[in-house]
Amino acid sequence: MKKIIIPILVVLASTGCSLLFSKVYDIKTLKNFDESKINAFNASITHENILFHTIIGDSDSYNCIRKKSKSELMNNGLSQPIQILYFDSTGRLISFHANCYAKGNLSGLDWNYDGRFEQFVPKSAIKLDSVYFSLNLIKDCLKTEINGNFKNSKLKYTVVIFWTLMFETLSKKAIDLAIKNISQFGKQEEVAIYLINNDKAFLETK
């Protein structure tokens, strides 16, 4: 797991101070799985009347998902603690963001680097032209239903956000930005959000 965490830390490497990393990014050490804290975090999210679901993943689902793409760039993103994925109504990935593709600064991570979130759907942080990745791959790994057959005729997009209490503040800011972007462009009735916590993946070693 250390190889996965390193990219999110090196964005402030020029400071040469791990204590500063910890303070600026509010990095926590996960000592045990605490579902009550996860539930409290989920309850703190204001989701602006957007369909909102929460899921707790584990190391099996995490490892399954991050091995589903044949693209090295995509696999790197799928290995990160915080990710935001946008899918259209066919389940096709149309926009992808991960902490390693956000710009680091002294206040945290700038997910809107290069104006990515100044439109809906946000501009993808990586090119997806040659990347095959679908919502069905996530469903298969999680072994749970996500959106089914879009019975709600207004529902056009699914946003899947992976997060962890290890980076609680960064996770909250990423989620809030995604929700703000949806509301800003009046897409609340067209979007379903799935928050997937990966604490177990970072606690379990295999």
N, C-alpha and C. Protein backbone atom coordinates (compact mmCIF):
# COMPACT_ATOMS: atom_id res chain seq x y z
N MET A 1 0.80 -1.21 0.00
CA MET A 1 0.00 0.00 0.00
C MET A 1 0.85 1.28 0.00
N LYS A 2 2.11 1.21 0.45
CA LYS A 2 2.94 2.40 0.49
C LYS A 2 3.11 2.99 -0.90
N LYS A 3 3.22 2.13 -1.92
CA LYS A 3 3.38 2.61 -3.28
C LYS A 3 2.17 3.40 -3.74
N ILE A 4 1.02 3.11 -3.18
CA ILE A 4 -0.21 3.79 -3.56
C ILE A 4 -0.29 5.15 -2.89
N ILE A 5 0.18 5.25 -1.65
CA ILE A 5 0.07 6.48 -0.90
C ILE A 5 1.09 7.52 -1.34
N ILE A 6 2.25 7.10 -1.81
CA ILE A 6 3.33 8.02 -2.13
C ILE A 6 2.91 9.16 -3.07
N PRO A 7 2.18 8.89 -4.18
CA PRO A 7 1.86 9.98 -5.10
C PRO A 7 1.14 11.15 -4.46
N ILE A 8 0.29 10.90 -3.49
CA ILE A 8 -0.45 12.00 -2.88
C ILE A 8 0.42 12.82 -1.94
N LEU A 9 1.54 12.25 -1.51
CA LEU A 9 2.43 12.96 -0.61
C LEU A 9 3.48 13.79 -1.35
N VAL A 10 3.90 13.35 -2.52
CA VAL A 10 5.01 14.01 -3.18
C VAL A 10 4.64 15.38 -3.76
N VAL A 11 3.36 15.71 -3.79
CA VAL A 11 2.97 17.00 -4.36
C VAL A 11 3.53 18.17 -3.56
N LEU A 12 3.90 17.93 -2.29
CA LEU A 12 4.54 18.97 -1.50
C LEU A 12 5.97 18.60 -1.14
N ALA A 13 6.59 17.79 -1.97
CA ALA A 13 7.91 17.27 -1.64
C ALA A 13 8.95 18.37 -1.49
N SER A 14 8.73 19.50 -2.14
CA SER A 14 9.71 20.57 -2.08
C SER A 14 9.85 21.13 -0.67
N THR A 15 8.87 20.90 0.19
CA THR A 15 8.96 21.40 1.55
C THR A 15 9.91 20.56 2.38
N GLY A 16 10.08 19.29 2.01
CA GLY A 16 10.98 18.39 2.72
C GLY A 16 10.57 18.15 4.15
N CYS A 17 9.29 18.21 4.43
CA CYS A 17 8.86 18.10 5.82
C CYS A 17 7.64 17.22 5.93
N SER A 18 7.80 16.00 6.45
CA SER A 18 6.68 15.07 6.54
C SER A 18 5.63 15.56 7.52
N LEU A 19 6.04 16.32 8.54
CA LEU A 19 5.09 16.86 9.51
C LEU A 19 4.16 17.84 8.82
N LEU A 20 4.71 18.63 7.90
CA LEU A 20 3.89 19.56 7.13
C LEU A 20 2.92 18.82 6.25
N PHE A 21 3.37 17.70 5.64
CA PHE A 21 2.46 16.86 4.88
C PHE A 21 1.24 16.53 5.72
N SER A 22 1.52 16.06 6.93
CA SER A 22 0.47 15.59 7.82
C SER A 22 -0.50 16.71 8.18
N LYS A 23 0.04 17.88 8.47
CA LYS A 23 -0.81 19.00 8.90
C LYS A 23 -1.61 19.57 7.74
N VAL A 24 -0.95 19.78 6.61
CA VAL A 24 -1.63 20.39 5.47
C VAL A 24 -2.71 19.47 4.92
N TYR A 25 -2.40 18.20 4.79
CA TYR A 25 -3.33 17.26 4.18
C TYR A 25 -4.19 16.52 5.19
N ASP A 26 -4.01 16.82 6.46
CA ASP A 26 -4.80 16.17 7.51
C ASP A 26 -4.75 14.65 7.36
N ILE A 27 -3.54 14.13 7.24
CA ILE A 27 -3.36 12.69 7.05
C ILE A 27 -3.53 11.97 8.38
N LYS A 28 -4.35 10.93 8.38
CA LYS A 28 -4.59 10.15 9.58
C LYS A 28 -4.06 8.73 9.39
N THR A 29 -3.68 8.12 10.48
CA THR A 29 -3.28 6.73 10.46
C THR A 29 -4.49 5.87 10.81
N LEU A 30 -4.84 4.95 9.93
CA LEU A 30 -5.97 4.07 10.20
C LEU A 30 -5.50 2.92 11.10
N LYS A 31 -6.01 2.89 12.30
CA LYS A 31 -5.61 1.83 13.23
C LYS A 31 -6.62 0.68 13.25
N ASN A 32 -7.86 1.02 12.95
CA ASN A 32 -8.91 -0.01 12.91
C ASN A 32 -10.05 0.48 12.04
N PHE A 33 -10.93 -0.44 11.70
CA PHE A 33 -12.09 -0.08 10.90
C PHE A 33 -13.18 0.45 11.82
N ASP A 34 -13.64 1.66 11.55
CA ASP A 34 -14.63 2.31 12.41
C ASP A 34 -15.83 2.73 11.57
N GLU A 35 -16.83 1.86 11.50
CA GLU A 35 -18.00 2.14 10.67
C GLU A 35 -18.78 3.35 11.16
N SER A 36 -18.74 3.60 12.47
CA SER A 36 -19.47 4.75 13.01
C SER A 36 -18.89 6.07 12.47
N LYS A 37 -17.57 6.14 12.32
CA LYS A 37 -16.95 7.34 11.76
C LYS A 37 -17.27 7.48 10.28
N ILE A 38 -17.32 6.36 9.60
CA ILE A 38 -17.69 6.39 8.17
C ILE A 38 -19.13 6.88 8.01
N ASN A 39 -20.01 6.37 8.85
CA ASN A 39 -21.42 6.80 8.80
C ASN A 39 -21.55 8.28 9.13
N ALA A 40 -20.77 8.75 10.10
CA ALA A 40 -20.81 10.17 10.46
C ALA A 40 -20.32 11.03 9.31
N PHE A 41 -19.28 10.57 8.63
CA PHE A 41 -18.76 11.29 7.47
C PHE A 41 -19.83 11.36 6.38
N ASN A 42 -20.43 10.23 6.07
CA ASN A 42 -21.47 10.19 5.04
C ASN A 42 -22.63 11.12 5.39
N ALA A 43 -22.99 11.15 6.67
CA ALA A 43 -24.11 11.99 7.12
C ALA A 43 -23.77 13.48 7.02
N SER A 44 -22.49 13.80 7.01
CA SER A 44 -22.08 15.21 6.96
C SER A 44 -22.14 15.79 5.55
N ILE A 45 -22.33 14.94 4.57
CA ILE A 45 -22.35 15.40 3.17
C ILE A 45 -23.72 15.99 2.83
N THR A 46 -23.71 17.22 2.37
CA THR A 46 -24.93 17.86 1.87
C THR A 46 -25.00 17.61 0.37
N HIS A 47 -25.97 16.80 -0.05
CA HIS A 47 -25.95 16.37 -1.45
C HIS A 47 -27.02 17.00 -2.32
N GLU A 48 -27.59 18.09 -1.88
CA GLU A 48 -28.39 18.96 -2.76
C GLU A 48 -29.47 18.21 -3.56
N ASN A 49 -30.21 17.32 -2.87
CA ASN A 49 -31.30 16.57 -3.53
C ASN A 49 -30.84 15.68 -4.67
N ILE A 50 -29.57 15.33 -4.67
CA ILE A 50 -29.03 14.40 -5.66
C ILE A 50 -29.16 12.99 -5.10
N LEU A 51 -29.53 12.01 -5.91
CA LEU A 51 -29.58 10.63 -5.47
C LEU A 51 -28.20 10.25 -4.92
N PHE A 52 -28.19 9.69 -3.73
CA PHE A 52 -26.93 9.56 -2.99
C PHE A 52 -26.91 8.21 -2.28
N HIS A 53 -25.87 7.41 -2.57
CA HIS A 53 -25.76 6.08 -1.98
C HIS A 53 -24.35 5.90 -1.41
N THR A 54 -24.26 5.12 -0.35
CA THR A 54 -22.95 4.86 0.25
C THR A 54 -22.66 3.36 0.27
N ILE A 55 -21.42 3.02 0.03
CA ILE A 55 -20.97 1.63 -0.01
C ILE A 55 -19.64 1.52 0.73
N ILE A 56 -19.44 0.42 1.43
CA ILE A 56 -18.16 0.15 2.07
C ILE A 56 -17.47 -0.96 1.29
N GLY A 57 -16.33 -0.63 0.72
CA GLY A 57 -15.57 -1.61 -0.04
C GLY A 57 -14.61 -2.36 0.87
N ASP A 58 -13.84 -3.27 0.28
CA ASP A 58 -12.82 -3.99 1.03
C ASP A 58 -11.61 -4.20 0.12
N SER A 59 -10.61 -4.90 0.60
CA SER A 59 -9.39 -5.07 -0.19
C SER A 59 -9.65 -5.87 -1.46
N ASP A 60 -10.57 -6.83 -1.41
CA ASP A 60 -10.88 -7.64 -2.59
C ASP A 60 -11.47 -6.78 -3.71
N SER A 61 -12.45 -5.95 -3.36
CA SER A 61 -13.08 -5.10 -4.37
C SER A 61 -12.11 -4.04 -4.87
N TYR A 62 -11.32 -3.48 -3.96
CA TYR A 62 -10.33 -2.46 -4.34
C TYR A 62 -9.31 -3.03 -5.32
N ASN A 63 -8.75 -4.18 -5.00
CA ASN A 63 -7.76 -4.80 -5.88
C ASN A 63 -8.37 -5.25 -7.20
N CYS A 64 -9.61 -5.70 -7.14
CA CYS A 64 -10.31 -6.11 -8.36
C CYS A 64 -10.49 -4.93 -9.31
N ILE A 65 -10.95 -3.80 -8.77
CA ILE A 65 -11.22 -2.62 -9.60
C ILE A 65 -9.95 -2.08 -10.22
N ARG A 66 -8.88 -1.99 -9.43
CA ARG A 66 -7.68 -1.36 -9.95
C ARG A 66 -6.92 -2.23 -10.95
N LYS A 67 -7.37 -3.45 -11.15
CA LYS A 67 -6.74 -4.32 -12.14
C LYS A 67 -7.59 -4.48 -13.40
N LYS A 68 -8.70 -3.74 -13.46
CA LYS A 68 -9.64 -3.94 -14.55
C LYS A 68 -9.28 -3.22 -15.85
N SER A 69 -8.42 -2.24 -15.76
CA SER A 69 -8.06 -1.51 -16.97
C SER A 69 -6.73 -2.00 -17.52
N LYS A 70 -6.60 -2.01 -18.85
CA LYS A 70 -5.35 -2.40 -19.49
C LYS A 70 -4.44 -1.20 -19.71
N SER A 71 -4.95 -0.01 -19.34
CA SER A 71 -4.17 1.21 -19.48
C SER A 71 -3.34 1.43 -18.20
N GLU A 72 -2.03 1.60 -18.37
CA GLU A 72 -1.15 1.82 -17.21
C GLU A 72 -1.51 3.13 -16.50
N LEU A 73 -1.83 4.15 -17.28
CA LEU A 73 -2.21 5.44 -16.72
C LEU A 73 -3.49 5.32 -15.90
N MET A 74 -4.46 4.61 -16.44
CA MET A 74 -5.72 4.41 -15.75
C MET A 74 -5.53 3.57 -14.50
N ASN A 75 -4.73 2.53 -14.59
CA ASN A 75 -4.48 1.68 -13.43
C ASN A 75 -3.82 2.46 -12.30
N ASN A 76 -2.93 3.38 -12.65
CA ASN A 76 -2.31 4.23 -11.64
C ASN A 76 -3.38 5.05 -10.92
N GLY A 77 -4.31 5.62 -11.68
CA GLY A 77 -5.39 6.40 -11.08
C GLY A 77 -6.31 5.56 -10.22
N LEU A 78 -6.60 4.35 -10.69
CA LEU A 78 -7.50 3.46 -9.95
C LEU A 78 -6.86 2.93 -8.66
N SER A 79 -5.57 3.16 -8.49
CA SER A 79 -4.88 2.72 -7.28
C SER A 79 -4.86 3.80 -6.20
N GLN A 80 -5.37 4.99 -6.53
CA GLN A 80 -5.27 6.12 -5.61
C GLN A 80 -6.36 6.10 -4.53
N PRO A 81 -6.09 6.71 -3.38
CA PRO A 81 -7.08 6.74 -2.29
C PRO A 81 -8.35 7.51 -2.62
N ILE A 82 -8.22 8.60 -3.42
CA ILE A 82 -9.39 9.42 -3.75
C ILE A 82 -9.55 9.48 -5.26
N GLN A 83 -10.74 9.12 -5.73
CA GLN A 83 -11.02 9.11 -7.16
C GLN A 83 -12.44 9.60 -7.41
N ILE A 84 -12.65 10.25 -8.54
CA ILE A 84 -13.99 10.67 -8.97
C ILE A 84 -14.17 10.20 -10.40
N LEU A 85 -15.14 9.33 -10.62
CA LEU A 85 -15.39 8.78 -11.95
C LEU A 85 -16.80 9.13 -12.40
N TYR A 86 -16.93 9.58 -13.65
CA TYR A 86 -18.22 9.95 -14.23
C TYR A 86 -18.57 8.96 -15.34
N PHE A 87 -19.78 8.42 -15.28
CA PHE A 87 -20.24 7.48 -16.30
C PHE A 87 -21.53 8.01 -16.93
N ASP A 88 -21.70 7.76 -18.22
CA ASP A 88 -22.95 8.16 -18.86
C ASP A 88 -23.99 7.05 -18.67
N SER A 89 -25.15 7.21 -19.28
CA SER A 89 -26.26 6.29 -19.04
C SER A 89 -26.02 4.89 -19.61
N THR A 90 -25.02 4.76 -20.47
CA THR A 90 -24.66 3.44 -20.99
C THR A 90 -23.63 2.75 -20.10
N GLY A 91 -23.13 3.48 -19.10
CA GLY A 91 -22.11 2.94 -18.22
C GLY A 91 -20.70 3.18 -18.70
N ARG A 92 -20.55 4.02 -19.72
CA ARG A 92 -19.22 4.32 -20.27
C ARG A 92 -18.55 5.40 -19.44
N LEU A 93 -17.27 5.22 -19.13
CA LEU A 93 -16.51 6.23 -18.39
C LEU A 93 -16.26 7.43 -19.29
N ILE A 94 -16.68 8.61 -18.82
CA ILE A 94 -16.53 9.82 -19.64
C ILE A 94 -15.66 10.89 -18.99
N SER A 95 -15.33 10.71 -17.71
CA SER A 95 -14.44 11.66 -17.05
C SER A 95 -13.83 10.99 -15.83
N PHE A 96 -12.52 11.18 -15.64
CA PHE A 96 -11.83 10.51 -14.55
C PHE A 96 -10.88 11.47 -13.84
N HIS A 97 -10.93 11.41 -12.50
CA HIS A 97 -10.08 12.27 -11.67
C HIS A 97 -9.56 11.45 -10.50
N ALA A 98 -8.31 11.70 -10.11
CA ALA A 98 -7.72 11.04 -8.95
C ALA A 98 -6.77 12.02 -8.28
N ASN A 99 -6.49 11.79 -7.00
CA ASN A 99 -5.66 12.73 -6.26
C ASN A 99 -4.31 12.98 -6.94
N CYS A 100 -3.77 11.96 -7.61
CA CYS A 100 -2.44 12.12 -8.24
C CYS A 100 -2.50 13.01 -9.47
N TYR A 101 -3.70 13.31 -9.98
CA TYR A 101 -3.84 14.18 -11.14
C TYR A 101 -4.34 15.57 -10.76
N ALA A 102 -4.56 15.81 -9.47
CA ALA A 102 -4.90 17.14 -8.99
C ALA A 102 -3.61 17.88 -8.67
N LYS A 103 -3.65 19.20 -8.69
CA LYS A 103 -2.44 19.99 -8.45
C LYS A 103 -2.31 20.28 -6.96
N GLY A 104 -1.17 19.94 -6.39
CA GLY A 104 -0.94 20.16 -4.97
C GLY A 104 -0.49 21.58 -4.67
N ASN A 105 -0.97 22.10 -3.55
CA ASN A 105 -0.51 23.41 -3.08
C ASN A 105 -0.59 23.43 -1.56
N LEU A 106 -0.29 24.56 -0.96
CA LEU A 106 -0.22 24.64 0.50
C LEU A 106 -1.58 24.59 1.18
N SER A 107 -2.66 24.61 0.41
CA SER A 107 -3.99 24.49 1.00
C SER A 107 -4.61 23.13 0.72
N GLY A 108 -3.86 22.26 0.05
CA GLY A 108 -4.39 20.92 -0.23
C GLY A 108 -4.22 20.55 -1.69
N LEU A 109 -5.31 20.09 -2.31
CA LEU A 109 -5.28 19.69 -3.71
C LEU A 109 -6.26 20.53 -4.52
N ASP A 110 -5.81 21.00 -5.66
CA ASP A 110 -6.66 21.77 -6.56
C ASP A 110 -7.20 20.84 -7.64
N TRP A 111 -8.42 20.33 -7.41
CA TRP A 111 -9.05 19.42 -8.37
C TRP A 111 -9.50 20.18 -9.62
N ASN A 112 -9.65 21.50 -9.50
CA ASN A 112 -10.10 22.31 -10.62
C ASN A 112 -8.94 22.85 -11.45
N TYR A 113 -7.79 22.24 -11.29
CA TYR A 113 -6.62 22.65 -12.09
C TYR A 113 -6.97 22.61 -13.58
N ASP A 114 -6.56 23.64 -14.29
CA ASP A 114 -6.82 23.76 -15.72
C ASP A 114 -8.32 23.91 -16.01
N GLY A 115 -9.08 24.38 -14.99
CA GLY A 115 -10.52 24.64 -15.18
C GLY A 115 -11.34 23.39 -15.43
N ARG A 116 -10.89 22.26 -14.92
CA ARG A 116 -11.56 21.00 -15.21
C ARG A 116 -13.02 20.98 -14.75
N PHE A 117 -13.31 21.61 -13.60
CA PHE A 117 -14.66 21.55 -13.06
C PHE A 117 -15.48 22.80 -13.38
N GLU A 118 -15.09 23.51 -14.39
CA GLU A 118 -15.85 24.68 -14.82
C GLU A 118 -16.83 24.32 -15.92
N GLN A 119 -17.12 23.05 -16.06
CA GLN A 119 -18.12 22.56 -16.99
C GLN A 119 -18.70 21.28 -16.43
N PHE A 120 -19.83 20.85 -16.99
CA PHE A 120 -20.38 19.55 -16.64
C PHE A 120 -20.68 18.82 -17.95
N VAL A 121 -20.15 17.67 -18.10
CA VAL A 121 -19.33 16.85 -17.23
C VAL A 121 -17.94 17.47 -17.13
N PRO A 122 -17.29 17.43 -15.94
CA PRO A 122 -15.95 17.99 -15.82
C PRO A 122 -14.99 17.39 -16.84
N LYS A 123 -14.05 18.21 -17.28
CA LYS A 123 -13.04 17.74 -18.22
C LYS A 123 -12.17 16.69 -17.56
N SER A 124 -12.01 15.56 -18.19
CA SER A 124 -11.25 14.46 -17.61
C SER A 124 -9.79 14.85 -17.38
N ALA A 125 -9.23 14.38 -16.27
CA ALA A 125 -7.83 14.68 -15.95
C ALA A 125 -6.88 13.89 -16.84
N ILE A 126 -7.36 12.80 -17.43
CA ILE A 126 -6.55 12.02 -18.36
C ILE A 126 -7.38 11.74 -19.61
N LYS A 127 -6.70 11.49 -20.70
CA LYS A 127 -7.40 11.17 -21.94
C LYS A 127 -7.99 9.77 -21.87
N LEU A 128 -9.23 9.66 -22.30
CA LEU A 128 -9.94 8.38 -22.20
C LEU A 128 -10.20 7.75 -23.56
N ASP A 129 -9.65 8.34 -24.60
CA ASP A 129 -9.92 7.86 -25.97
C ASP A 129 -9.61 6.38 -26.13
N SER A 130 -8.50 5.95 -25.56
CA SER A 130 -8.07 4.56 -25.74
C SER A 130 -8.26 3.72 -24.48
N VAL A 131 -9.02 4.27 -23.53
CA VAL A 131 -9.23 3.57 -22.26
C VAL A 131 -10.61 2.93 -22.24
N TYR A 132 -10.65 1.63 -21.99
CA TYR A 132 -11.95 0.98 -21.80
C TYR A 132 -12.15 0.72 -20.32
N PHE A 133 -13.17 1.36 -19.77
CA PHE A 133 -13.51 1.12 -18.36
C PHE A 133 -14.98 1.47 -18.21
N SER A 134 -15.75 0.58 -17.59
CA SER A 134 -17.18 0.79 -17.51
C SER A 134 -17.70 0.64 -16.09
N LEU A 135 -18.91 1.11 -15.88
CA LEU A 135 -19.57 1.00 -14.58
C LEU A 135 -19.80 -0.47 -14.23
N ASN A 136 -20.01 -1.29 -15.22
CA ASN A 136 -20.23 -2.72 -14.97
C ASN A 136 -19.01 -3.38 -14.31
N LEU A 137 -17.82 -2.91 -14.65
CA LEU A 137 -16.61 -3.46 -14.04
C LEU A 137 -16.58 -3.19 -12.53
N ILE A 138 -17.02 -2.00 -12.15
CA ILE A 138 -17.09 -1.66 -10.73
C ILE A 138 -18.16 -2.49 -10.04
N LYS A 139 -19.30 -2.63 -10.70
CA LYS A 139 -20.38 -3.43 -10.12
C LYS A 139 -19.95 -4.87 -9.91
N ASP A 140 -19.24 -5.41 -10.88
CA ASP A 140 -18.79 -6.80 -10.77
C ASP A 140 -17.85 -6.99 -9.58
N CYS A 141 -16.97 -6.00 -9.37
CA CYS A 141 -16.00 -6.11 -8.28
C CYS A 141 -16.65 -5.90 -6.92
N LEU A 142 -17.61 -4.98 -6.86
CA LEU A 142 -18.30 -4.71 -5.60
C LEU A 142 -19.38 -5.73 -5.29
N LYS A 143 -19.80 -6.43 -6.34
CA LYS A 143 -20.89 -7.41 -6.21
C LYS A 143 -22.14 -6.77 -5.63
N THR A 144 -22.44 -5.59 -6.18
CA THR A 144 -23.64 -4.88 -5.74
C THR A 144 -24.25 -4.16 -6.93
N GLU A 145 -25.50 -3.79 -6.81
CA GLU A 145 -26.21 -3.13 -7.90
C GLU A 145 -25.94 -1.63 -7.87
N ILE A 146 -25.64 -1.06 -9.01
CA ILE A 146 -25.47 0.38 -9.14
C ILE A 146 -26.31 0.85 -10.32
N ASN A 147 -27.40 1.51 -10.00
CA ASN A 147 -28.29 2.14 -10.99
C ASN A 147 -29.09 1.20 -11.87
N GLY A 148 -28.79 -0.09 -11.85
CA GLY A 148 -29.61 -1.02 -12.61
C GLY A 148 -29.77 -0.60 -14.06
N ASN A 149 -31.01 -0.48 -14.50
CA ASN A 149 -31.24 -0.14 -15.90
C ASN A 149 -31.74 1.30 -16.07
N PHE A 150 -31.41 2.16 -15.14
CA PHE A 150 -31.79 3.57 -15.22
C PHE A 150 -33.30 3.72 -15.43
N LYS A 151 -34.07 3.17 -14.50
CA LYS A 151 -35.53 3.27 -14.61
C LYS A 151 -36.00 4.71 -14.51
N ASN A 152 -35.25 5.55 -13.78
CA ASN A 152 -35.57 6.97 -13.71
C ASN A 152 -35.17 7.60 -15.04
N SER A 153 -36.16 8.05 -15.81
CA SER A 153 -35.89 8.55 -17.16
C SER A 153 -35.00 9.79 -17.16
N LYS A 154 -34.96 10.52 -16.05
CA LYS A 154 -34.15 11.74 -15.98
C LYS A 154 -32.69 11.45 -15.65
N LEU A 155 -32.42 10.26 -15.15
CA LEU A 155 -31.08 9.92 -14.71
C LEU A 155 -30.17 9.64 -15.91
N LYS A 156 -29.14 10.45 -16.04
CA LYS A 156 -28.24 10.33 -17.20
C LYS A 156 -26.80 10.03 -16.82
N TYR A 157 -26.44 10.28 -15.57
CA TYR A 157 -25.04 10.13 -15.18
C TYR A 157 -24.91 9.44 -13.82
N THR A 158 -23.84 8.69 -13.67
CA THR A 158 -23.48 8.11 -12.38
C THR A 158 -22.09 8.60 -12.02
N VAL A 159 -21.97 9.13 -10.81
CA VAL A 159 -20.67 9.60 -10.31
C VAL A 159 -20.26 8.68 -9.17
N VAL A 160 -19.12 8.03 -9.33
CA VAL A 160 -18.59 7.13 -8.31
C VAL A 160 -17.37 7.80 -7.68
N ILE A 161 -17.42 7.95 -6.35
CA ILE A 161 -16.32 8.61 -5.64
C ILE A 161 -15.74 7.66 -4.60
N PHE A 162 -14.47 7.35 -4.76
CA PHE A 162 -13.76 6.54 -3.77
C PHE A 162 -13.09 7.47 -2.76
N TRP A 163 -13.20 7.12 -1.48
CA TRP A 163 -12.63 7.99 -0.46
C TRP A 163 -12.18 7.16 0.74
N THR A 164 -11.44 7.79 1.66
CA THR A 164 -10.97 7.11 2.85
C THR A 164 -10.81 8.10 4.00
N LEU A 165 -11.03 7.65 5.22
CA LEU A 165 -10.82 8.48 6.40
C LEU A 165 -9.34 8.79 6.59
N MET A 166 -8.49 8.05 5.95
CA MET A 166 -7.06 8.31 6.02
C MET A 166 -6.76 9.72 5.49
N PHE A 167 -7.52 10.14 4.47
CA PHE A 167 -7.44 11.49 3.92
C PHE A 167 -8.83 12.12 4.02
N GLU A 168 -9.32 12.26 5.22
CA GLU A 168 -10.71 12.68 5.43
C GLU A 168 -10.98 14.07 4.87
N THR A 169 -10.11 15.03 5.18
CA THR A 169 -10.34 16.40 4.72
C THR A 169 -10.27 16.49 3.21
N LEU A 170 -9.27 15.85 2.61
CA LEU A 170 -9.15 15.86 1.15
C LEU A 170 -10.34 15.17 0.50
N SER A 171 -10.80 14.08 1.10
CA SER A 171 -11.97 13.37 0.57
C SER A 171 -13.19 14.26 0.60
N LYS A 172 -13.39 14.96 1.72
CA LYS A 172 -14.57 15.83 1.87
C LYS A 172 -14.54 16.95 0.83
N LYS A 173 -13.39 17.54 0.62
CA LYS A 173 -13.28 18.63 -0.36
C LYS A 173 -13.56 18.13 -1.77
N ALA A 174 -13.08 16.95 -2.09
CA ALA A 174 -13.32 16.39 -3.43
C ALA A 174 -14.80 16.11 -3.65
N ILE A 175 -15.45 15.53 -2.63
CA ILE A 175 -16.88 15.23 -2.73
C ILE A 175 -17.70 16.51 -2.84
N ASP A 176 -17.36 17.49 -2.00
CA ASP A 176 -18.09 18.77 -2.03
C ASP A 176 -17.94 19.45 -3.39
N LEU A 177 -16.76 19.36 -3.99
CA LEU A 177 -16.55 19.97 -5.29
C LEU A 177 -17.42 19.30 -6.36
N ALA A 178 -17.47 17.97 -6.33
CA ALA A 178 -18.28 17.24 -7.30
C ALA A 178 -19.76 17.62 -7.16
N ILE A 179 -20.24 17.72 -5.92
CA ILE A 179 -21.64 18.07 -5.69
C ILE A 179 -21.92 19.51 -6.11
N LYS A 180 -20.99 20.41 -5.79
CA LYS A 180 -21.14 21.81 -6.19
C LYS A 180 -21.21 21.93 -7.71
N ASN A 181 -20.38 21.17 -8.40
CA ASN A 181 -20.37 21.20 -9.86
C ASN A 181 -21.69 20.72 -10.44
N ILE A 182 -22.24 19.67 -9.87
CA ILE A 182 -23.53 19.14 -10.33
C ILE A 182 -24.63 20.17 -10.14
N SER A 183 -24.65 20.80 -8.96
CA SER A 183 -25.68 21.79 -8.64
C SER A 183 -25.52 23.05 -9.47
N GLN A 184 -24.28 23.47 -9.66
CA GLN A 184 -24.01 24.69 -10.41
C GLN A 184 -24.59 24.64 -11.82
N PHE A 185 -24.58 23.44 -12.41
CA PHE A 185 -25.07 23.30 -13.77
C PHE A 185 -26.48 22.69 -13.82
N GLY A 186 -27.15 22.65 -12.65
CA GLY A 186 -28.54 22.22 -12.60
C GLY A 186 -28.78 20.78 -12.99
N LYS A 187 -27.85 19.90 -12.64
CA LYS A 187 -27.94 18.50 -13.05
C LYS A 187 -28.39 17.57 -11.91
N GLN A 188 -28.95 18.13 -10.84
CA GLN A 188 -29.28 17.30 -9.67
C GLN A 188 -30.17 16.11 -10.00
N GLU A 189 -31.16 16.30 -10.87
CA GLU A 189 -32.10 15.23 -11.17
C GLU A 189 -31.53 14.23 -12.18
N GLU A 190 -30.39 14.55 -12.76
CA GLU A 190 -29.82 13.70 -13.80
C GLU A 190 -28.67 12.83 -13.29
N VAL A 191 -28.31 12.99 -12.01
CA VAL A 191 -27.10 12.35 -11.49
C VAL A 191 -27.39 11.51 -10.25
N ALA A 192 -26.74 10.37 -10.17
CA ALA A 192 -26.71 9.56 -8.95
C ALA A 192 -25.25 9.48 -8.50
N ILE A 193 -25.03 9.68 -7.20
CA ILE A 193 -23.68 9.63 -6.64
C ILE A 193 -23.53 8.39 -5.78
N TYR A 194 -22.41 7.69 -5.94
CA TYR A 194 -22.08 6.56 -5.08
C TYR A 194 -20.75 6.86 -4.38
N LEU A 195 -20.80 6.93 -3.06
CA LEU A 195 -19.59 7.11 -2.26
C LEU A 195 -19.11 5.73 -1.81
N ILE A 196 -17.90 5.39 -2.15
CA ILE A 196 -17.35 4.09 -1.80
C ILE A 196 -16.15 4.28 -0.87
N ASN A 197 -16.30 3.86 0.36
CA ASN A 197 -15.21 3.98 1.33
C ASN A 197 -14.26 2.79 1.19
N ASN A 198 -12.95 3.09 1.19
CA ASN A 198 -11.95 2.05 1.01
C ASN A 198 -11.05 1.87 2.23
N ASP A 199 -11.54 2.21 3.42
CA ASP A 199 -10.73 2.06 4.63
C ASP A 199 -10.25 0.62 4.81
N LYS A 200 -11.14 -0.32 4.57
CA LYS A 200 -10.76 -1.73 4.75
C LYS A 200 -9.60 -2.12 3.86
N ALA A 201 -9.58 -1.55 2.66
CA ALA A 201 -8.52 -1.89 1.72
C ALA A 201 -7.16 -1.45 2.23
N PHE A 202 -7.11 -0.33 2.96
CA PHE A 202 -5.85 0.19 3.46
C PHE A 202 -5.49 -0.41 4.82
N LEU A 203 -6.44 -1.09 5.43
CA LEU A 203 -6.18 -1.77 6.70
C LEU A 203 -5.80 -3.23 6.49
N GLU A 204 -6.40 -3.84 5.47
CA GLU A 204 -6.17 -5.25 5.22
C GLU A 204 -4.94 -5.42 4.35
N THR A 205 -4.11 -6.35 4.68
CA THR A 205 -2.92 -6.63 3.87
C THR A 205 -2.99 -8.07 3.38
N LYS A 206 -2.67 -8.26 2.13
CA LYS A 206 -2.73 -9.60 1.53
C LYS A 206 -1.51 -9.81 0.66
